[in-house]
Amino acid sequence: MERPVLKYYFHWSDGYDLIVDREGRELRESDLLWTALDAAARLTSELQTYDGWADWVVAIHDERGSLIDTVPFPAKQEYGAFDHHDQGIEPWTTATLKSPSRDGSTRPH
């Protein structure tokens, strides 16, 4: 029996900057890894000239705000390699993202 669909949030951080996913996605737990890799691929494709992706992770939080897992961004040579369509996952809709002030905090909550 497959687990229920729950809402998860995919925040991006390099330990200094944080981009918060304010909308989240309703997913099964089995889709979290692929969705996190897709989130990383989307950001790297939007900012192709930036070369510091090795320091970034996708932090997956549940609807209570609890950290479920962190997924490192793929190595530079893998940026374009992930195709969510091959995995049977729907494309991620554009989330409302906002970077917090630079107060030194990297915690999403």
N, C-alpha and C. Protein backbone atom coordinates (compact mmCIF):
# COMPACT_ATOMS: atom_id res chain seq x y z
N MET A 1 0.84 -1.18 0.00
CA MET A 1 0.00 0.00 0.00
C MET A 1 0.89 1.25 0.00
N GLU A 2 0.64 2.14 -0.93
CA GLU A 2 1.45 3.36 -1.06
C GLU A 2 1.00 4.40 -0.04
N ARG A 3 1.95 5.16 0.44
CA ARG A 3 1.67 6.20 1.43
C ARG A 3 0.86 7.32 0.82
N PRO A 4 0.16 8.09 1.64
CA PRO A 4 -0.68 9.18 1.12
C PRO A 4 0.13 10.31 0.52
N VAL A 5 -0.55 11.15 -0.23
CA VAL A 5 0.04 12.35 -0.80
C VAL A 5 0.08 13.41 0.29
N LEU A 6 1.25 14.00 0.51
CA LEU A 6 1.42 15.07 1.49
C LEU A 6 2.04 16.28 0.81
N LYS A 7 1.98 17.43 1.45
CA LYS A 7 2.57 18.63 0.88
C LYS A 7 4.01 18.78 1.39
N TYR A 8 4.93 19.02 0.44
CA TYR A 8 6.34 19.19 0.75
C TYR A 8 6.83 20.50 0.13
N TYR A 9 7.84 21.07 0.77
CA TYR A 9 8.45 22.31 0.32
C TYR A 9 9.91 22.05 0.00
N PHE A 10 10.40 22.66 -1.08
CA PHE A 10 11.75 22.44 -1.58
C PHE A 10 12.51 23.76 -1.56
N HIS A 11 13.23 24.01 -0.47
CA HIS A 11 14.00 25.24 -0.29
C HIS A 11 15.42 25.03 -0.80
N TRP A 12 16.03 26.10 -1.33
CA TRP A 12 17.41 26.04 -1.84
C TRP A 12 18.30 26.86 -0.92
N SER A 13 19.49 26.34 -0.62
CA SER A 13 20.42 27.12 0.20
C SER A 13 21.87 26.70 -0.07
N ASP A 14 22.77 27.66 0.12
CA ASP A 14 24.20 27.38 0.05
C ASP A 14 24.85 27.63 1.41
N GLY A 15 24.06 27.78 2.45
CA GLY A 15 24.58 28.08 3.78
C GLY A 15 24.64 29.56 4.08
N TYR A 16 24.51 30.39 3.04
CA TYR A 16 24.47 31.84 3.19
C TYR A 16 23.17 32.41 2.67
N ASP A 17 22.82 32.04 1.47
CA ASP A 17 21.58 32.51 0.84
C ASP A 17 20.53 31.41 0.94
N LEU A 18 19.29 31.82 0.97
CA LEU A 18 18.17 30.89 1.06
C LEU A 18 17.07 31.35 0.13
N ILE A 19 16.58 30.44 -0.68
CA ILE A 19 15.43 30.71 -1.54
C ILE A 19 14.32 29.80 -1.04
N VAL A 20 13.23 30.41 -0.60
CA VAL A 20 12.15 29.68 0.05
C VAL A 20 11.05 29.34 -0.93
N ASP A 21 10.65 28.08 -0.92
CA ASP A 21 9.49 27.61 -1.68
C ASP A 21 8.26 27.87 -0.82
N ARG A 22 7.47 28.85 -1.18
CA ARG A 22 6.31 29.21 -0.37
C ARG A 22 5.04 28.47 -0.78
N GLU A 23 5.06 27.79 -1.92
CA GLU A 23 3.86 27.09 -2.39
C GLU A 23 3.89 25.60 -2.09
N GLY A 24 5.04 24.97 -2.27
CA GLY A 24 5.14 23.54 -2.05
C GLY A 24 4.44 22.74 -3.13
N ARG A 25 4.52 21.41 -2.97
CA ARG A 25 3.89 20.50 -3.92
C ARG A 25 3.32 19.32 -3.16
N GLU A 26 2.19 18.84 -3.61
CA GLU A 26 1.61 17.64 -3.03
C GLU A 26 2.18 16.44 -3.77
N LEU A 27 2.87 15.57 -3.01
CA LEU A 27 3.58 14.44 -3.59
C LEU A 27 3.51 13.23 -2.68
N ARG A 28 3.83 12.10 -3.25
CA ARG A 28 4.08 10.90 -2.46
C ARG A 28 5.56 10.93 -2.06
N GLU A 29 5.86 10.31 -0.95
CA GLU A 29 7.24 10.29 -0.46
C GLU A 29 8.20 9.70 -1.48
N SER A 30 7.72 8.77 -2.28
CA SER A 30 8.58 8.13 -3.28
C SER A 30 9.01 9.08 -4.39
N ASP A 31 8.37 10.24 -4.53
CA ASP A 31 8.72 11.22 -5.57
C ASP A 31 9.63 12.34 -5.08
N LEU A 32 10.00 12.32 -3.80
CA LEU A 32 10.75 13.44 -3.23
C LEU A 32 12.13 13.62 -3.85
N LEU A 33 12.89 12.55 -4.02
CA LEU A 33 14.23 12.68 -4.58
C LEU A 33 14.20 13.26 -5.98
N TRP A 34 13.34 12.73 -6.84
CA TRP A 34 13.28 13.23 -8.23
C TRP A 34 12.82 14.68 -8.27
N THR A 35 11.90 15.04 -7.40
CA THR A 35 11.42 16.42 -7.38
C THR A 35 12.51 17.36 -6.87
N ALA A 36 13.29 16.93 -5.89
CA ALA A 36 14.41 17.75 -5.40
C ALA A 36 15.46 17.94 -6.48
N LEU A 37 15.78 16.88 -7.22
CA LEU A 37 16.74 17.00 -8.33
C LEU A 37 16.20 17.91 -9.42
N ASP A 38 14.91 17.84 -9.66
CA ASP A 38 14.28 18.73 -10.65
C ASP A 38 14.36 20.18 -10.18
N ALA A 39 14.15 20.42 -8.89
CA ALA A 39 14.24 21.77 -8.34
C ALA A 39 15.64 22.33 -8.53
N ALA A 40 16.65 21.52 -8.27
CA ALA A 40 18.05 21.95 -8.47
C ALA A 40 18.31 22.24 -9.94
N ALA A 41 17.83 21.38 -10.82
CA ALA A 41 18.04 21.57 -12.26
C ALA A 41 17.36 22.85 -12.75
N ARG A 42 16.19 23.15 -12.22
CA ARG A 42 15.49 24.38 -12.64
C ARG A 42 16.28 25.62 -12.26
N LEU A 43 16.81 25.65 -11.04
CA LEU A 43 17.56 26.83 -10.60
C LEU A 43 18.85 26.98 -11.40
N THR A 44 19.57 25.89 -11.62
CA THR A 44 20.82 25.98 -12.37
C THR A 44 20.58 26.39 -13.81
N SER A 45 19.45 25.99 -14.37
CA SER A 45 19.16 26.39 -15.76
C SER A 45 18.76 27.86 -15.85
N GLU A 46 18.20 28.42 -14.78
CA GLU A 46 17.82 29.83 -14.78
C GLU A 46 19.02 30.75 -14.58
N LEU A 47 20.06 30.26 -13.92
CA LEU A 47 21.25 31.06 -13.62
C LEU A 47 22.49 30.34 -14.14
N GLN A 48 22.57 30.20 -15.45
CA GLN A 48 23.61 29.38 -16.07
C GLN A 48 25.02 29.93 -15.90
N THR A 49 25.18 31.22 -15.67
CA THR A 49 26.53 31.78 -15.57
C THR A 49 27.12 31.63 -14.17
N TYR A 50 26.30 31.29 -13.19
CA TYR A 50 26.79 31.09 -11.82
C TYR A 50 27.52 29.76 -11.74
N ASP A 51 28.68 29.74 -11.06
CA ASP A 51 29.45 28.50 -11.01
C ASP A 51 29.64 27.95 -9.60
N GLY A 52 28.87 28.41 -8.62
CA GLY A 52 29.02 27.96 -7.24
C GLY A 52 28.00 26.93 -6.79
N TRP A 53 27.43 26.20 -7.72
CA TRP A 53 26.36 25.26 -7.38
C TRP A 53 26.80 24.11 -6.48
N ALA A 54 28.08 23.81 -6.42
CA ALA A 54 28.55 22.70 -5.60
C ALA A 54 28.25 22.92 -4.11
N ASP A 55 28.04 24.17 -3.70
CA ASP A 55 27.75 24.49 -2.31
C ASP A 55 26.26 24.45 -1.97
N TRP A 56 25.40 24.27 -2.95
CA TRP A 56 23.96 24.36 -2.76
C TRP A 56 23.32 23.00 -2.49
N VAL A 57 22.24 23.04 -1.71
CA VAL A 57 21.42 21.85 -1.45
C VAL A 57 19.95 22.22 -1.58
N VAL A 58 19.13 21.22 -1.81
CA VAL A 58 17.69 21.37 -1.75
C VAL A 58 17.27 20.77 -0.40
N ALA A 59 16.66 21.58 0.45
CA ALA A 59 16.18 21.12 1.75
C ALA A 59 14.68 20.82 1.61
N ILE A 60 14.31 19.58 1.85
CA ILE A 60 12.92 19.16 1.72
C ILE A 60 12.27 19.22 3.10
N HIS A 61 11.18 19.98 3.20
CA HIS A 61 10.43 20.11 4.46
C HIS A 61 9.01 19.64 4.26
N ASP A 62 8.43 19.05 5.31
CA ASP A 62 7.03 18.65 5.22
C ASP A 62 6.14 19.82 5.60
N GLU A 63 4.83 19.59 5.59
CA GLU A 63 3.89 20.69 5.83
C GLU A 63 3.93 21.21 7.27
N ARG A 64 4.55 20.48 8.19
CA ARG A 64 4.74 20.96 9.57
C ARG A 64 6.00 21.79 9.71
N GLY A 65 6.83 21.82 8.65
CA GLY A 65 8.09 22.55 8.70
C GLY A 65 9.27 21.70 9.11
N SER A 66 9.05 20.40 9.32
CA SER A 66 10.14 19.51 9.71
C SER A 66 11.01 19.18 8.51
N LEU A 67 12.32 19.17 8.73
CA LEU A 67 13.27 18.82 7.68
C LEU A 67 13.18 17.32 7.43
N ILE A 68 12.92 16.94 6.19
CA ILE A 68 12.81 15.54 5.80
C ILE A 68 14.14 15.03 5.27
N ASP A 69 14.78 15.83 4.42
CA ASP A 69 16.04 15.41 3.81
C ASP A 69 16.69 16.61 3.14
N THR A 70 17.98 16.50 2.87
CA THR A 70 18.68 17.48 2.04
C THR A 70 19.32 16.73 0.88
N VAL A 71 19.23 17.34 -0.28
CA VAL A 71 19.76 16.73 -1.51
C VAL A 71 20.74 17.71 -2.13
N PRO A 72 22.01 17.32 -2.26
CA PRO A 72 22.98 18.23 -2.88
C PRO A 72 22.67 18.44 -4.35
N PHE A 73 23.03 19.62 -4.83
CA PHE A 73 22.89 19.88 -6.26
C PHE A 73 23.81 18.92 -7.00
N PRO A 74 23.41 18.50 -8.21
CA PRO A 74 24.27 17.61 -8.99
C PRO A 74 25.58 18.29 -9.38
N ALA A 75 26.61 17.49 -9.63
CA ALA A 75 27.88 18.03 -10.10
C ALA A 75 27.67 18.79 -11.40
N LYS A 76 28.54 19.76 -11.68
CA LYS A 76 28.37 20.64 -12.83
C LYS A 76 28.12 19.88 -14.14
N GLN A 77 28.82 18.78 -14.37
CA GLN A 77 28.65 18.04 -15.62
C GLN A 77 27.28 17.35 -15.68
N GLU A 78 26.57 17.28 -14.54
CA GLU A 78 25.27 16.61 -14.51
C GLU A 78 24.10 17.60 -14.59
N TYR A 79 24.35 18.91 -14.63
CA TYR A 79 23.28 19.89 -14.56
C TYR A 79 22.17 19.64 -15.56
N GLY A 80 22.51 19.37 -16.80
CA GLY A 80 21.48 19.19 -17.81
C GLY A 80 21.04 17.75 -17.97
N ALA A 81 21.59 16.84 -17.17
CA ALA A 81 21.35 15.42 -17.38
C ALA A 81 20.00 14.95 -16.86
N PHE A 82 19.42 15.62 -15.87
CA PHE A 82 18.18 15.15 -15.28
C PHE A 82 17.00 15.60 -16.11
N ASP A 83 16.16 14.66 -16.50
CA ASP A 83 14.95 14.96 -17.26
C ASP A 83 13.78 14.34 -16.52
N HIS A 84 12.96 15.19 -15.87
CA HIS A 84 11.85 14.68 -15.08
C HIS A 84 10.82 13.95 -15.92
N HIS A 85 10.76 14.25 -17.21
CA HIS A 85 9.79 13.56 -18.06
C HIS A 85 10.13 12.09 -18.20
N ASP A 86 11.43 11.76 -18.20
CA ASP A 86 11.84 10.37 -18.27
C ASP A 86 11.45 9.60 -17.02
N GLN A 87 11.25 10.31 -15.92
CA GLN A 87 10.91 9.66 -14.66
C GLN A 87 9.40 9.61 -14.42
N GLY A 88 8.60 10.15 -15.34
CA GLY A 88 7.15 10.14 -15.18
C GLY A 88 6.65 11.15 -14.17
N ILE A 89 7.43 12.20 -13.92
CA ILE A 89 7.05 13.23 -12.95
C ILE A 89 6.61 14.47 -13.71
N GLU A 90 5.50 15.06 -13.26
CA GLU A 90 5.01 16.27 -13.91
C GLU A 90 5.98 17.42 -13.67
N PRO A 91 6.12 18.34 -14.63
CA PRO A 91 6.97 19.51 -14.41
C PRO A 91 6.50 20.30 -13.20
N TRP A 92 7.44 20.89 -12.49
CA TRP A 92 7.14 21.67 -11.30
C TRP A 92 6.63 23.03 -11.72
N THR A 93 5.48 23.42 -11.20
CA THR A 93 4.96 24.73 -11.53
C THR A 93 5.82 25.78 -10.85
N THR A 94 5.83 26.97 -11.39
CA THR A 94 6.64 28.05 -10.85
C THR A 94 6.15 28.41 -9.45
N ALA A 95 7.05 28.29 -8.48
CA ALA A 95 6.72 28.62 -7.10
C ALA A 95 6.98 30.10 -6.84
N THR A 96 6.30 30.64 -5.85
CA THR A 96 6.57 32.00 -5.42
C THR A 96 7.75 31.94 -4.49
N LEU A 97 8.86 32.49 -4.93
CA LEU A 97 10.10 32.41 -4.19
C LEU A 97 10.52 33.78 -3.72
N LYS A 98 11.12 33.82 -2.53
CA LYS A 98 11.59 35.08 -2.00
C LYS A 98 12.86 34.82 -1.20
N SER A 99 13.88 35.57 -1.45
CA SER A 99 15.12 35.44 -0.68
C SER A 99 14.98 36.27 0.58
N PRO A 100 15.40 35.72 1.72
CA PRO A 100 15.33 36.48 2.97
C PRO A 100 16.45 37.51 3.05
N SER A 101 16.37 38.34 4.08
CA SER A 101 17.44 39.31 4.29
C SER A 101 18.70 38.57 4.72
N ARG A 102 19.83 39.19 4.57
CA ARG A 102 21.11 38.56 4.91
C ARG A 102 21.42 38.76 6.40
N ASP A 103 20.68 38.09 7.25
CA ASP A 103 20.93 38.18 8.69
C ASP A 103 21.80 37.06 9.22
N GLY A 104 22.33 36.25 8.30
CA GLY A 104 23.19 35.15 8.70
C GLY A 104 22.46 33.85 8.89
N SER A 105 21.12 33.88 8.93
CA SER A 105 20.37 32.65 9.14
C SER A 105 20.15 31.92 7.83
N THR A 106 20.39 30.62 7.85
CA THR A 106 20.14 29.81 6.67
C THR A 106 19.01 28.83 6.93
N ARG A 107 18.43 28.88 8.11
CA ARG A 107 17.33 27.98 8.45
C ARG A 107 16.04 28.49 7.80
N PRO A 108 15.31 27.62 7.10
CA PRO A 108 14.07 28.05 6.46
C PRO A 108 12.93 28.31 7.42
N HIS A 109 13.11 28.01 8.69
CA HIS A 109 12.05 28.30 9.66
C HIS A 109 12.63 28.59 11.00
